[in-house]
Amino acid sequence: MYLGRILSIGLNKNLNPYVAYRVSSRSFPNRMAKDFENEAAIIPKEGFEKDIFENPYIAYNCLKIVENVAIITNGSHTDVIADKIALGMNIKDALTLSLLAMEYEKDDYNTPRIAGVVRPKNENNDYEAYIGIVTHEKILVEKIEENTAVYISTYEQQSPEIIDFNASTPKETAEFIINKGKFEEFTNPVASVGAVFNEKWDISSVNL
């Protein structure tokens, strides 16, 4: 089954907060994930840079860590959500306003924008995780319970679905969403990013 872009957030098998994102693509498979200290991006592979002129939505920051909060999405709204959180806006409002303002992608498929935001426990023992989607027909922003993990995708699975996320390290997280467990059922994987919080966020990427 083809789900397009997929993201997953919540707590992993060790009860550590995580975020994960996978690019699946039929039209533009020549892309890769590149991770840095506090962010990760989806970019064209060497030799395919001109693809961004055919579709401006294929290259973007998919992950940012801001104020110890992880923001993971399938497009340029990563930066918009991160900016609002950096300015002090709460997660629910930052996610909702950003999805509402940017809407779905105006490509041939009206591709939805999906996003997840996770704030690990802090000195007040708070934990927050929200997931959202905006399509040409709906907008949804939903809080995720602390002891669960969910995934959502641009096609088919457009509502959060609970899942057992059996990974612990950032590398295992990126590997799991690209071709393990439930995600093995989904076609056309290209690249993925995973981040896990254990006193701090660590990031890893996988490219097929």
N, C-alpha and C. Protein backbone atom coordinates (compact mmCIF):
# COMPACT_ATOMS: atom_id res chain seq x y z
N MET A 1 0.84 -1.19 0.00
CA MET A 1 0.00 0.00 0.00
C MET A 1 0.88 1.24 0.00
N TYR A 2 0.48 2.23 -0.81
CA TYR A 2 1.26 3.47 -0.89
C TYR A 2 0.62 4.53 0.00
N LEU A 3 1.38 5.01 1.01
CA LEU A 3 0.88 6.02 1.93
C LEU A 3 1.48 7.39 1.69
N GLY A 4 2.45 7.48 0.77
CA GLY A 4 3.13 8.76 0.59
C GLY A 4 4.06 9.02 1.75
N ARG A 5 4.09 10.27 2.24
CA ARG A 5 4.94 10.62 3.35
C ARG A 5 4.31 10.15 4.66
N ILE A 6 5.14 9.68 5.58
CA ILE A 6 4.66 9.12 6.84
C ILE A 6 5.44 9.74 8.00
N LEU A 7 4.75 10.05 9.10
CA LEU A 7 5.48 10.42 10.30
C LEU A 7 4.88 9.71 11.51
N SER A 8 5.71 9.53 12.52
CA SER A 8 5.30 8.85 13.73
C SER A 8 5.91 9.57 14.93
N ILE A 9 5.13 9.69 16.01
CA ILE A 9 5.61 10.33 17.23
C ILE A 9 5.08 9.59 18.45
N GLY A 10 5.68 9.86 19.60
CA GLY A 10 5.20 9.29 20.85
C GLY A 10 6.32 8.77 21.70
N LEU A 11 6.05 7.65 22.38
CA LEU A 11 7.05 6.99 23.20
C LEU A 11 7.41 5.65 22.58
N ASN A 12 8.72 5.35 22.54
CA ASN A 12 9.17 4.08 21.95
C ASN A 12 9.11 2.95 22.98
N LYS A 13 9.69 1.81 22.63
CA LYS A 13 9.59 0.63 23.50
C LYS A 13 10.26 0.84 24.85
N ASN A 14 11.21 1.78 24.92
CA ASN A 14 11.87 2.10 26.19
C ASN A 14 11.22 3.26 26.93
N LEU A 15 10.07 3.71 26.39
CA LEU A 15 9.34 4.84 26.94
C LEU A 15 10.12 6.14 26.85
N ASN A 16 10.96 6.25 25.81
CA ASN A 16 11.63 7.51 25.49
C ASN A 16 10.85 8.22 24.39
N PRO A 17 10.70 9.54 24.49
CA PRO A 17 10.06 10.29 23.42
C PRO A 17 10.85 10.16 22.11
N TYR A 18 10.13 10.07 21.00
CA TYR A 18 10.78 9.97 19.69
C TYR A 18 9.92 10.66 18.65
N VAL A 19 10.55 11.00 17.54
CA VAL A 19 9.85 11.42 16.32
C VAL A 19 10.52 10.72 15.15
N ALA A 20 9.74 10.40 14.13
CA ALA A 20 10.29 9.71 12.96
C ALA A 20 9.54 10.17 11.72
N TYR A 21 10.26 10.24 10.61
CA TYR A 21 9.67 10.68 9.35
C TYR A 21 10.23 9.87 8.20
N ARG A 22 9.36 9.52 7.26
CA ARG A 22 9.77 8.75 6.08
C ARG A 22 9.24 9.39 4.81
N VAL A 23 10.12 9.53 3.84
CA VAL A 23 9.72 9.92 2.49
C VAL A 23 9.47 8.65 1.69
N SER A 24 8.28 8.54 1.15
CA SER A 24 7.97 7.52 0.15
C SER A 24 7.58 8.28 -1.10
N SER A 25 8.07 7.88 -2.25
CA SER A 25 7.79 8.68 -3.44
C SER A 25 7.78 7.83 -4.69
N ARG A 26 6.79 8.12 -5.54
CA ARG A 26 6.72 7.49 -6.86
C ARG A 26 7.24 8.45 -7.94
N SER A 27 7.06 9.74 -7.72
CA SER A 27 7.41 10.74 -8.74
C SER A 27 8.83 11.28 -8.62
N PHE A 28 9.31 11.44 -7.37
CA PHE A 28 10.64 12.03 -7.14
C PHE A 28 11.40 11.18 -6.12
N PRO A 29 11.85 9.99 -6.55
CA PRO A 29 12.55 9.10 -5.62
C PRO A 29 14.02 9.45 -5.41
N ASN A 30 14.57 10.33 -6.23
CA ASN A 30 16.01 10.63 -6.15
C ASN A 30 16.29 11.71 -5.12
N ARG A 31 15.94 11.39 -3.87
CA ARG A 31 16.14 12.31 -2.77
C ARG A 31 16.82 11.60 -1.61
N MET A 32 17.32 12.38 -0.68
CA MET A 32 18.01 11.82 0.47
C MET A 32 17.71 12.65 1.71
N ALA A 33 17.90 12.02 2.86
CA ALA A 33 17.78 12.72 4.14
C ALA A 33 19.18 13.04 4.64
N LYS A 34 19.34 14.22 5.19
CA LYS A 34 20.64 14.64 5.74
C LYS A 34 20.38 15.22 7.13
N ASP A 35 21.08 14.65 8.14
CA ASP A 35 20.86 15.12 9.50
C ASP A 35 22.02 15.98 9.98
N PHE A 36 21.67 16.94 10.84
CA PHE A 36 22.63 17.84 11.46
C PHE A 36 22.42 17.78 12.98
N GLU A 37 23.03 18.67 13.72
CA GLU A 37 22.95 18.58 15.18
C GLU A 37 21.53 18.78 15.70
N ASN A 38 20.83 19.80 15.19
CA ASN A 38 19.50 20.12 15.70
C ASN A 38 18.43 20.18 14.61
N GLU A 39 18.70 19.56 13.47
CA GLU A 39 17.72 19.56 12.39
C GLU A 39 18.08 18.51 11.37
N ALA A 40 17.14 18.26 10.47
CA ALA A 40 17.37 17.34 9.36
C ALA A 40 16.58 17.84 8.16
N ALA A 41 17.06 17.50 6.98
CA ALA A 41 16.43 18.00 5.76
C ALA A 41 16.29 16.89 4.73
N ILE A 42 15.33 17.08 3.84
CA ILE A 42 15.16 16.23 2.66
C ILE A 42 15.63 17.05 1.47
N ILE A 43 16.59 16.52 0.72
CA ILE A 43 17.17 17.25 -0.41
C ILE A 43 17.34 16.30 -1.60
N PRO A 44 17.44 16.84 -2.82
CA PRO A 44 17.70 15.99 -3.98
C PRO A 44 19.09 15.36 -3.90
N LYS A 45 19.22 14.16 -4.43
CA LYS A 45 20.53 13.54 -4.53
C LYS A 45 21.38 14.31 -5.55
N GLU A 46 22.69 14.15 -5.43
CA GLU A 46 23.59 14.80 -6.38
C GLU A 46 23.23 14.39 -7.80
N GLY A 47 23.12 15.38 -8.66
CA GLY A 47 22.76 15.13 -10.05
C GLY A 47 21.28 15.33 -10.34
N PHE A 48 20.48 15.47 -9.27
CA PHE A 48 19.03 15.64 -9.45
C PHE A 48 18.55 16.96 -8.85
N GLU A 49 19.47 17.91 -8.69
CA GLU A 49 19.11 19.18 -8.08
C GLU A 49 18.03 19.92 -8.87
N LYS A 50 17.99 19.71 -10.18
CA LYS A 50 17.00 20.40 -11.01
C LYS A 50 15.57 19.97 -10.72
N ASP A 51 15.40 18.88 -9.99
CA ASP A 51 14.05 18.41 -9.68
C ASP A 51 13.24 19.44 -8.90
N ILE A 52 13.92 20.30 -8.13
CA ILE A 52 13.18 21.28 -7.34
C ILE A 52 12.48 22.31 -8.23
N PHE A 53 12.91 22.42 -9.49
CA PHE A 53 12.23 23.34 -10.41
C PHE A 53 10.98 22.69 -11.00
N GLU A 54 10.91 21.38 -10.96
CA GLU A 54 9.70 20.69 -11.39
C GLU A 54 8.66 20.63 -10.27
N ASN A 55 9.14 20.55 -9.03
CA ASN A 55 8.24 20.52 -7.88
C ASN A 55 8.92 21.19 -6.69
N PRO A 56 8.47 22.37 -6.30
CA PRO A 56 9.15 23.11 -5.23
C PRO A 56 8.95 22.50 -3.84
N TYR A 57 8.09 21.49 -3.74
CA TYR A 57 7.77 20.91 -2.43
C TYR A 57 8.67 19.75 -2.04
N ILE A 58 9.61 19.36 -2.89
CA ILE A 58 10.35 18.12 -2.63
C ILE A 58 11.59 18.31 -1.74
N ALA A 59 11.98 19.54 -1.47
CA ALA A 59 13.14 19.80 -0.60
C ALA A 59 12.70 20.71 0.55
N TYR A 60 13.07 20.33 1.78
CA TYR A 60 12.61 21.08 2.94
C TYR A 60 13.29 20.56 4.20
N ASN A 61 13.25 21.35 5.26
CA ASN A 61 13.63 20.88 6.57
C ASN A 61 12.49 20.02 7.12
N CYS A 62 12.78 18.76 7.41
CA CYS A 62 11.72 17.88 7.92
C CYS A 62 11.73 17.79 9.44
N LEU A 63 12.82 18.23 10.08
CA LEU A 63 12.94 18.13 11.53
C LEU A 63 13.72 19.32 12.08
N LYS A 64 13.20 19.88 13.17
CA LYS A 64 13.92 20.93 13.88
C LYS A 64 13.73 20.72 15.38
N ILE A 65 14.79 20.98 16.13
CA ILE A 65 14.74 20.96 17.58
C ILE A 65 14.84 22.40 18.07
N VAL A 66 13.81 22.87 18.76
CA VAL A 66 13.76 24.24 19.25
C VAL A 66 13.30 24.22 20.70
N GLU A 67 14.07 24.83 21.59
CA GLU A 67 13.70 24.87 23.01
C GLU A 67 13.42 23.46 23.54
N ASN A 68 14.21 22.50 23.09
CA ASN A 68 14.07 21.10 23.51
C ASN A 68 12.80 20.44 22.98
N VAL A 69 12.13 21.09 22.04
CA VAL A 69 10.92 20.56 21.41
C VAL A 69 11.27 20.08 20.02
N ALA A 70 10.79 18.88 19.66
CA ALA A 70 11.04 18.33 18.32
C ALA A 70 9.84 18.57 17.43
N ILE A 71 10.09 19.17 16.28
CA ILE A 71 9.04 19.41 15.28
C ILE A 71 9.40 18.61 14.04
N ILE A 72 8.48 17.76 13.59
CA ILE A 72 8.75 16.92 12.43
C ILE A 72 7.58 17.01 11.46
N THR A 73 7.86 17.25 10.17
CA THR A 73 6.79 17.45 9.20
C THR A 73 7.24 16.99 7.80
N ASN A 74 6.32 17.12 6.85
CA ASN A 74 6.63 16.76 5.47
C ASN A 74 6.82 17.96 4.57
N GLY A 75 7.16 19.13 5.15
CA GLY A 75 7.33 20.29 4.28
C GLY A 75 7.88 21.51 4.99
N SER A 76 7.74 22.64 4.32
CA SER A 76 8.32 23.90 4.82
C SER A 76 7.62 24.40 6.07
N HIS A 77 6.50 23.82 6.44
CA HIS A 77 5.83 24.24 7.67
C HIS A 77 6.61 23.84 8.91
N THR A 78 7.63 22.98 8.77
CA THR A 78 8.54 22.71 9.89
C THR A 78 9.07 24.02 10.47
N ASP A 79 9.57 24.88 9.60
CA ASP A 79 10.18 26.14 10.03
C ASP A 79 9.14 27.08 10.64
N VAL A 80 7.94 27.08 10.09
CA VAL A 80 6.89 27.97 10.58
C VAL A 80 6.48 27.58 12.00
N ILE A 81 6.27 26.29 12.21
CA ILE A 81 5.91 25.80 13.55
C ILE A 81 7.03 26.08 14.53
N ALA A 82 8.27 25.79 14.12
CA ALA A 82 9.43 26.00 14.99
C ALA A 82 9.56 27.47 15.39
N ASP A 83 9.33 28.37 14.45
CA ASP A 83 9.44 29.80 14.76
C ASP A 83 8.40 30.22 15.80
N LYS A 84 7.20 29.71 15.69
CA LYS A 84 6.15 30.08 16.63
C LYS A 84 6.47 29.55 18.04
N ILE A 85 6.97 28.32 18.09
CA ILE A 85 7.34 27.75 19.39
C ILE A 85 8.50 28.51 20.00
N ALA A 86 9.47 28.91 19.17
CA ALA A 86 10.62 29.68 19.66
C ALA A 86 10.18 31.02 20.24
N LEU A 87 9.06 31.56 19.74
CA LEU A 87 8.54 32.83 20.23
C LEU A 87 7.66 32.67 21.46
N GLY A 88 7.49 31.42 21.90
CA GLY A 88 6.76 31.18 23.13
C GLY A 88 5.34 30.69 22.98
N MET A 89 4.88 30.46 21.76
CA MET A 89 3.53 29.97 21.56
C MET A 89 3.42 28.52 22.01
N ASN A 90 2.27 28.13 22.57
CA ASN A 90 2.10 26.75 22.98
C ASN A 90 2.00 25.83 21.76
N ILE A 91 2.26 24.54 21.97
CA ILE A 91 2.38 23.59 20.86
C ILE A 91 1.09 23.50 20.05
N LYS A 92 -0.04 23.37 20.73
CA LYS A 92 -1.31 23.19 20.00
C LYS A 92 -1.59 24.36 19.08
N ASP A 93 -1.41 25.57 19.58
CA ASP A 93 -1.69 26.75 18.76
C ASP A 93 -0.68 26.90 17.63
N ALA A 94 0.60 26.63 17.92
CA ALA A 94 1.63 26.73 16.89
C ALA A 94 1.36 25.76 15.74
N LEU A 95 0.96 24.56 16.10
CA LEU A 95 0.67 23.55 15.09
C LEU A 95 -0.58 23.90 14.30
N THR A 96 -1.63 24.28 15.00
CA THR A 96 -2.91 24.58 14.35
C THR A 96 -2.80 25.80 13.43
N LEU A 97 -2.23 26.88 13.93
CA LEU A 97 -2.14 28.10 13.14
C LEU A 97 -1.26 27.92 11.91
N SER A 98 -0.18 27.17 12.07
CA SER A 98 0.73 26.96 10.94
C SER A 98 0.07 26.12 9.83
N LEU A 99 -0.61 25.05 10.22
CA LEU A 99 -1.30 24.23 9.23
C LEU A 99 -2.43 25.01 8.55
N LEU A 100 -3.15 25.78 9.35
CA LEU A 100 -4.25 26.58 8.80
C LEU A 100 -3.74 27.62 7.81
N ALA A 101 -2.63 28.27 8.15
CA ALA A 101 -2.10 29.33 7.30
C ALA A 101 -1.50 28.79 6.00
N MET A 102 -0.79 27.67 6.07
CA MET A 102 -0.07 27.16 4.90
C MET A 102 -0.93 26.25 4.04
N GLU A 103 -1.95 25.63 4.63
CA GLU A 103 -2.86 24.74 3.92
C GLU A 103 -2.12 23.56 3.28
N TYR A 104 -2.84 22.80 2.46
CA TYR A 104 -2.25 21.67 1.76
C TYR A 104 -1.37 22.17 0.62
N GLU A 105 -0.52 21.30 0.11
CA GLU A 105 0.37 21.68 -0.98
C GLU A 105 -0.42 21.79 -2.28
N LYS A 106 -0.17 22.84 -3.02
CA LYS A 106 -0.91 23.08 -4.26
C LYS A 106 -0.21 22.39 -5.45
N ASP A 107 -0.07 21.06 -5.33
CA ASP A 107 0.51 20.29 -6.42
C ASP A 107 -0.61 19.52 -7.13
N ASP A 108 -0.23 18.59 -8.00
CA ASP A 108 -1.23 17.85 -8.78
C ASP A 108 -2.10 16.95 -7.91
N TYR A 109 -1.63 16.66 -6.69
CA TYR A 109 -2.34 15.69 -5.84
C TYR A 109 -2.96 16.34 -4.60
N ASN A 110 -2.90 17.68 -4.52
CA ASN A 110 -3.37 18.35 -3.30
C ASN A 110 -2.79 17.67 -2.06
N THR A 111 -1.48 17.44 -2.08
CA THR A 111 -0.82 16.69 -1.01
C THR A 111 -1.03 17.35 0.35
N PRO A 112 -1.54 16.60 1.32
CA PRO A 112 -1.72 17.16 2.66
C PRO A 112 -0.40 17.52 3.31
N ARG A 113 -0.47 18.42 4.25
CA ARG A 113 0.66 18.70 5.13
C ARG A 113 0.41 17.95 6.44
N ILE A 114 1.42 17.21 6.91
CA ILE A 114 1.33 16.50 8.18
C ILE A 114 2.42 17.02 9.11
N ALA A 115 2.19 16.92 10.40
CA ALA A 115 3.17 17.45 11.35
C ALA A 115 2.99 16.78 12.71
N GLY A 116 4.11 16.65 13.42
CA GLY A 116 4.09 16.17 14.79
C GLY A 116 5.03 17.00 15.63
N VAL A 117 4.65 17.24 16.89
CA VAL A 117 5.47 18.02 17.80
C VAL A 117 5.52 17.31 19.14
N VAL A 118 6.73 17.15 19.69
CA VAL A 118 6.90 16.47 20.98
C VAL A 118 7.77 17.32 21.91
N ARG A 119 7.22 17.58 23.09
CA ARG A 119 7.99 18.23 24.15
C ARG A 119 8.20 17.20 25.26
N PRO A 120 9.43 16.77 25.51
CA PRO A 120 9.68 15.79 26.58
C PRO A 120 9.41 16.39 27.96
N LYS A 121 9.46 15.54 28.95
CA LYS A 121 9.26 16.02 30.33
C LYS A 121 10.35 17.02 30.70
N ASN A 122 9.92 18.06 31.39
CA ASN A 122 10.86 19.09 31.84
C ASN A 122 10.88 19.13 33.37
N GLU A 123 11.36 20.22 33.92
CA GLU A 123 11.48 20.30 35.37
C GLU A 123 10.12 20.26 36.08
N ASN A 124 9.07 20.58 35.32
CA ASN A 124 7.71 20.50 35.88
C ASN A 124 7.06 19.14 35.59
N ASN A 125 7.85 18.23 35.03
CA ASN A 125 7.37 16.87 34.71
C ASN A 125 6.27 16.88 33.66
N ASP A 126 6.29 17.91 32.79
CA ASP A 126 5.29 18.01 31.73
C ASP A 126 5.72 17.22 30.50
N TYR A 127 4.76 16.67 29.80
CA TYR A 127 5.01 15.98 28.53
C TYR A 127 3.88 16.34 27.59
N GLU A 128 4.24 16.71 26.37
CA GLU A 128 3.22 17.04 25.38
C GLU A 128 3.60 16.45 24.03
N ALA A 129 2.60 15.91 23.35
CA ALA A 129 2.80 15.43 21.98
C ALA A 129 1.52 15.66 21.20
N TYR A 130 1.66 16.36 20.09
CA TYR A 130 0.51 16.64 19.23
C TYR A 130 0.83 16.21 17.81
N ILE A 131 -0.20 15.79 17.09
CA ILE A 131 -0.05 15.42 15.69
C ILE A 131 -1.14 16.12 14.90
N GLY A 132 -0.84 16.50 13.65
CA GLY A 132 -1.82 17.24 12.87
C GLY A 132 -1.72 16.98 11.38
N ILE A 133 -2.79 17.33 10.69
CA ILE A 133 -2.84 17.19 9.23
C ILE A 133 -3.79 18.25 8.68
N VAL A 134 -3.47 18.79 7.52
CA VAL A 134 -4.40 19.64 6.79
C VAL A 134 -4.48 19.11 5.37
N THR A 135 -5.71 18.83 4.91
CA THR A 135 -5.96 18.37 3.55
C THR A 135 -6.85 19.40 2.87
N HIS A 136 -7.26 19.11 1.63
CA HIS A 136 -8.18 20.02 0.96
C HIS A 136 -9.60 19.90 1.52
N GLU A 137 -9.80 18.95 2.46
CA GLU A 137 -11.13 18.72 3.02
C GLU A 137 -11.21 18.91 4.52
N LYS A 138 -10.07 18.89 5.23
CA LYS A 138 -10.16 18.95 6.69
C LYS A 138 -8.86 19.45 7.29
N ILE A 139 -8.95 19.85 8.57
CA ILE A 139 -7.78 20.11 9.39
C ILE A 139 -8.00 19.42 10.72
N LEU A 140 -6.97 18.73 11.19
CA LEU A 140 -7.05 17.98 12.44
C LEU A 140 -5.78 18.20 13.24
N VAL A 141 -5.93 18.55 14.51
CA VAL A 141 -4.82 18.63 15.45
C VAL A 141 -5.25 17.90 16.71
N GLU A 142 -4.48 16.92 17.11
CA GLU A 142 -4.90 16.04 18.19
C GLU A 142 -3.75 15.79 19.17
N LYS A 143 -4.07 15.83 20.46
CA LYS A 143 -3.08 15.52 21.48
C LYS A 143 -2.91 14.02 21.59
N ILE A 144 -1.67 13.57 21.74
CA ILE A 144 -1.36 12.15 21.87
C ILE A 144 -1.10 11.83 23.33
N GLU A 145 -1.72 10.78 23.81
CA GLU A 145 -1.53 10.40 25.20
C GLU A 145 -0.08 9.99 25.45
N GLU A 146 0.37 10.17 26.68
CA GLU A 146 1.79 10.04 27.01
C GLU A 146 2.35 8.65 26.74
N ASN A 147 1.62 7.62 27.00
CA ASN A 147 2.18 6.27 26.90
C ASN A 147 1.86 5.57 25.58
N THR A 148 1.62 6.35 24.54
CA THR A 148 1.29 5.77 23.24
C THR A 148 2.23 6.27 22.16
N ALA A 149 2.16 5.62 21.01
CA ALA A 149 2.84 6.05 19.79
C ALA A 149 1.84 5.96 18.66
N VAL A 150 1.92 6.89 17.74
CA VAL A 150 0.97 6.91 16.62
C VAL A 150 1.71 7.23 15.33
N TYR A 151 1.05 6.97 14.21
CA TYR A 151 1.58 7.41 12.92
C TYR A 151 0.44 7.98 12.09
N ILE A 152 0.81 8.78 11.10
CA ILE A 152 -0.14 9.39 10.18
C ILE A 152 0.57 9.54 8.84
N SER A 153 -0.19 9.62 7.75
CA SER A 153 0.44 9.74 6.43
C SER A 153 -0.34 10.70 5.55
N THR A 154 0.27 11.07 4.44
CA THR A 154 -0.39 12.00 3.53
C THR A 154 -1.54 11.35 2.77
N TYR A 155 -1.44 10.05 2.52
CA TYR A 155 -2.51 9.33 1.83
C TYR A 155 -2.96 8.14 2.66
N GLU A 156 -4.21 7.76 2.51
CA GLU A 156 -4.78 6.56 3.15
C GLU A 156 -4.94 6.72 4.66
N GLN A 157 -3.86 6.86 5.40
CA GLN A 157 -3.93 6.93 6.86
C GLN A 157 -3.87 8.39 7.30
N GLN A 158 -4.98 9.09 7.13
CA GLN A 158 -5.00 10.53 7.40
C GLN A 158 -5.54 10.88 8.78
N SER A 159 -5.65 9.88 9.64
CA SER A 159 -5.96 10.08 11.05
C SER A 159 -4.93 9.31 11.86
N PRO A 160 -4.59 9.77 13.06
CA PRO A 160 -3.57 9.07 13.86
C PRO A 160 -3.97 7.64 14.17
N GLU A 161 -3.03 6.73 13.99
CA GLU A 161 -3.24 5.31 14.27
C GLU A 161 -2.20 4.86 15.30
N ILE A 162 -2.66 4.23 16.36
CA ILE A 162 -1.74 3.74 17.40
C ILE A 162 -0.87 2.61 16.85
N ILE A 163 0.39 2.61 17.25
CA ILE A 163 1.34 1.62 16.76
C ILE A 163 2.34 1.28 17.86
N ASP A 164 2.87 0.07 17.84
CA ASP A 164 4.00 -0.29 18.70
C ASP A 164 5.27 0.08 17.95
N PHE A 165 6.00 1.05 18.48
CA PHE A 165 7.21 1.51 17.80
C PHE A 165 8.42 0.86 18.46
N ASN A 166 8.84 -0.25 17.88
CA ASN A 166 9.86 -1.10 18.48
C ASN A 166 11.28 -0.70 18.06
N ALA A 167 11.69 0.47 18.51
CA ALA A 167 13.04 0.96 18.25
C ALA A 167 13.49 1.74 19.47
N SER A 168 14.80 1.86 19.65
CA SER A 168 15.28 2.59 20.82
C SER A 168 16.25 3.71 20.45
N THR A 169 17.24 3.45 19.60
CA THR A 169 18.21 4.47 19.23
C THR A 169 17.69 5.30 18.06
N PRO A 170 18.30 6.47 17.81
CA PRO A 170 17.90 7.26 16.64
C PRO A 170 18.04 6.49 15.32
N LYS A 171 19.13 5.72 15.17
CA LYS A 171 19.33 4.95 13.95
C LYS A 171 18.24 3.89 13.80
N GLU A 172 17.94 3.18 14.89
CA GLU A 172 16.88 2.17 14.85
C GLU A 172 15.53 2.81 14.53
N THR A 173 15.33 4.02 15.03
CA THR A 173 14.08 4.74 14.78
C THR A 173 13.92 5.05 13.30
N ALA A 174 14.99 5.55 12.68
CA ALA A 174 14.94 5.83 11.24
C ALA A 174 14.77 4.55 10.44
N GLU A 175 15.42 3.48 10.86
CA GLU A 175 15.31 2.19 10.16
C GLU A 175 13.92 1.59 10.32
N PHE A 176 13.34 1.75 11.51
CA PHE A 176 12.03 1.14 11.77
C PHE A 176 10.95 1.74 10.88
N ILE A 177 10.93 3.07 10.76
CA ILE A 177 9.87 3.69 9.99
C ILE A 177 10.05 3.47 8.48
N ILE A 178 11.27 3.15 8.06
CA ILE A 178 11.46 2.99 6.62
C ILE A 178 11.10 1.60 6.13
N ASN A 179 11.30 0.56 6.95
CA ASN A 179 10.99 -0.78 6.39
C ASN A 179 10.84 -1.88 7.44
N LYS A 180 10.44 -1.54 8.66
CA LYS A 180 10.28 -2.58 9.68
C LYS A 180 8.88 -2.51 10.31
N GLY A 181 8.48 -3.62 10.93
CA GLY A 181 7.19 -3.67 11.58
C GLY A 181 6.07 -3.35 10.61
N LYS A 182 5.10 -2.59 11.08
CA LYS A 182 3.95 -2.19 10.26
C LYS A 182 4.39 -1.45 9.00
N PHE A 183 5.48 -0.70 9.11
CA PHE A 183 5.91 0.15 7.99
C PHE A 183 6.46 -0.64 6.82
N GLU A 184 6.79 -1.90 7.04
CA GLU A 184 7.26 -2.75 5.95
C GLU A 184 6.18 -2.97 4.90
N GLU A 185 4.91 -2.79 5.30
CA GLU A 185 3.78 -3.01 4.39
C GLU A 185 3.63 -1.88 3.37
N PHE A 186 4.28 -0.74 3.62
CA PHE A 186 4.05 0.43 2.81
C PHE A 186 5.14 0.60 1.76
N THR A 187 4.75 0.90 0.54
CA THR A 187 5.64 0.83 -0.62
C THR A 187 6.40 2.14 -0.87
N ASN A 188 7.38 2.02 -1.76
CA ASN A 188 8.16 3.14 -2.31
C ASN A 188 8.95 3.95 -1.27
N PRO A 189 9.60 3.29 -0.30
CA PRO A 189 10.43 4.05 0.65
C PRO A 189 11.65 4.66 -0.03
N VAL A 190 12.04 5.83 0.43
CA VAL A 190 13.17 6.55 -0.15
C VAL A 190 14.22 6.90 0.91
N ALA A 191 13.78 7.57 1.97
CA ALA A 191 14.70 8.03 3.01
C ALA A 191 13.91 8.27 4.29
N SER A 192 14.63 8.34 5.42
CA SER A 192 13.95 8.55 6.69
C SER A 192 14.85 9.28 7.68
N VAL A 193 14.19 9.82 8.70
CA VAL A 193 14.88 10.51 9.80
C VAL A 193 14.25 10.05 11.10
N GLY A 194 15.09 9.83 12.12
CA GLY A 194 14.59 9.49 13.44
C GLY A 194 15.33 10.29 14.50
N ALA A 195 14.61 10.67 15.55
CA ALA A 195 15.23 11.36 16.68
C ALA A 195 14.65 10.80 17.97
N VAL A 196 15.50 10.63 18.96
CA VAL A 196 15.10 10.08 20.26
C VAL A 196 15.61 11.00 21.35
N PHE A 197 14.76 11.20 22.38
CA PHE A 197 15.16 12.04 23.50
C PHE A 197 15.60 11.18 24.67
N ASN A 198 16.86 11.39 25.09
CA ASN A 198 17.40 10.74 26.27
C ASN A 198 18.34 11.75 26.93
N GLU A 199 17.76 12.64 27.70
CA GLU A 199 18.42 13.83 28.26
C GLU A 199 18.60 14.92 27.22
N LYS A 200 18.80 14.53 25.97
CA LYS A 200 18.79 15.48 24.85
C LYS A 200 18.36 14.74 23.60
N TRP A 201 17.98 15.50 22.56
CA TRP A 201 17.57 14.89 21.31
C TRP A 201 18.80 14.51 20.48
N ASP A 202 18.82 13.28 19.97
CA ASP A 202 19.83 12.84 19.01
C ASP A 202 19.13 12.41 17.74
N ILE A 203 19.76 12.70 16.60
CA ILE A 203 19.14 12.52 15.29
C ILE A 203 19.96 11.59 14.42
N SER A 204 19.27 10.80 13.60
CA SER A 204 19.94 9.94 12.61
C SER A 204 19.07 9.86 11.36
N SER A 205 19.69 9.53 10.24
CA SER A 205 18.96 9.40 8.98
C SER A 205 19.36 8.13 8.26
N VAL A 206 18.47 7.68 7.37
CA VAL A 206 18.71 6.47 6.56
C VAL A 206 18.33 6.80 5.13
N ASN A 207 19.16 6.38 4.18
CA ASN A 207 18.89 6.58 2.76
C ASN A 207 19.00 5.25 2.04
N LEU A 208 17.99 4.94 1.23
CA LEU A 208 17.99 3.70 0.47
C LEU A 208 18.63 3.89 -0.89
